[in-house]
Protein backbone atom coordinates (compact mmCIF):
# COMPACT_ATOMS: atom_id res chain seq x y z
CA MET A 1 -0.01 0.03 -0.08
CA THR A 2 1.43 3.30 -1.01
CA LYS A 3 1.34 5.94 1.91
CA VAL A 4 -0.28 9.06 0.99
CA ARG A 5 2.01 12.12 1.28
CA GLY A 6 1.49 15.96 0.87
CA PRO A 7 -1.60 17.68 2.20
CA ALA A 8 -3.98 14.86 1.57
CA ALA A 9 -2.17 12.89 4.26
CA TYR A 10 -4.02 15.11 6.56
CA PHE A 11 -7.50 14.60 5.09
CA PRO A 12 -8.91 11.72 6.97
CA SER A 13 -8.00 13.59 10.39
CA ILE A 14 -9.66 16.70 9.02
CA GLU A 15 -12.77 14.91 8.32
CA ALA A 16 -12.87 13.21 11.42
CA LYS A 17 -12.23 16.06 13.62
CA TYR A 18 -14.39 18.70 11.83
CA GLY A 19 -17.25 16.32 10.72
CA ARG A 20 -17.36 17.63 6.84
CA SER A 21 -15.78 15.95 4.02
CA ILE A 22 -13.09 17.41 2.00
CA ALA A 23 -15.13 18.01 -0.71
CA GLU A 24 -17.81 19.88 1.64
CA TRP A 25 -14.86 21.96 2.74
CA LYS A 26 -13.64 22.88 -0.87
CA VAL A 27 -17.44 23.87 -1.68
CA MET A 28 -17.42 26.22 1.26
CA MET A 29 -14.12 27.52 0.61
CA ARG A 30 -15.10 28.34 -3.30
CA GLY A 31 -18.11 30.20 -1.84
CA THR A 32 -16.36 32.54 0.28
CA GLY A 33 -14.63 34.40 -2.79
CA LEU A 34 -11.49 34.65 -1.15
CA THR A 35 -8.21 33.42 -3.09
CA THR A 36 -5.03 33.98 -1.34
CA TRP A 37 -3.25 31.66 1.28
CA LYS A 38 -3.49 34.07 3.65
CA GLU A 39 -7.51 35.02 3.55
CA LEU A 40 -8.24 31.24 3.37
CA MET A 41 -6.01 30.63 6.28
CA ALA A 42 -7.60 33.38 8.48
CA TRP A 43 -11.09 32.09 7.17
CA LEU A 44 -10.10 28.34 8.31
CA LYS A 45 -8.61 29.34 11.40
CA GLY A 46 -11.02 32.12 12.49
CA GLY A 47 -14.28 31.56 11.52
CA GLN A 48 -14.16 27.73 11.21
CA GLY A 49 -11.83 26.82 14.39
CA MET A 50 -9.46 24.84 12.27
CA GLY A 51 -5.67 24.32 13.55
CA HIS A 52 -2.93 25.71 11.65
CA GLY A 53 -1.58 22.25 10.24
CA HIS A 54 -5.08 21.05 8.99
CA ALA A 55 -6.04 24.66 7.68
CA ASN A 56 -2.68 24.54 5.72
CA ALA A 57 -3.01 21.34 4.03
CA LEU A 58 -6.71 22.21 2.91
CA THR A 59 -5.60 25.34 1.74
CA ILE A 60 -2.85 24.15 -0.16
CA ASP A 61 -4.68 21.35 -1.82
CA PHE A 62 -7.64 23.82 -2.75
CA LEU A 63 -5.51 26.50 -4.37
CA ASN A 64 -3.70 23.62 -6.45
CA ASP A 65 -6.90 22.70 -7.63
CA GLN A 66 -7.66 26.09 -8.24
CA ARG A 67 -4.56 26.39 -10.49
CA ARG A 68 -5.04 23.37 -12.34
CA GLY A 69 -8.59 24.28 -13.24
């Protein structure tokens, strides 16, 4: 079995701790209209109560998705 690396390694614990799927988080993030790492991090950590590591992993993956189109 291949070990998951990068931001996706955090996804199971994000889903378990905050009770939403990664897909749900990404829909919510898209709905904010925020586009920078700093803005998204502040939203996740402040308004959503997410820790820095989880917020960073989700934000990096979200922004990479946006860049890929």
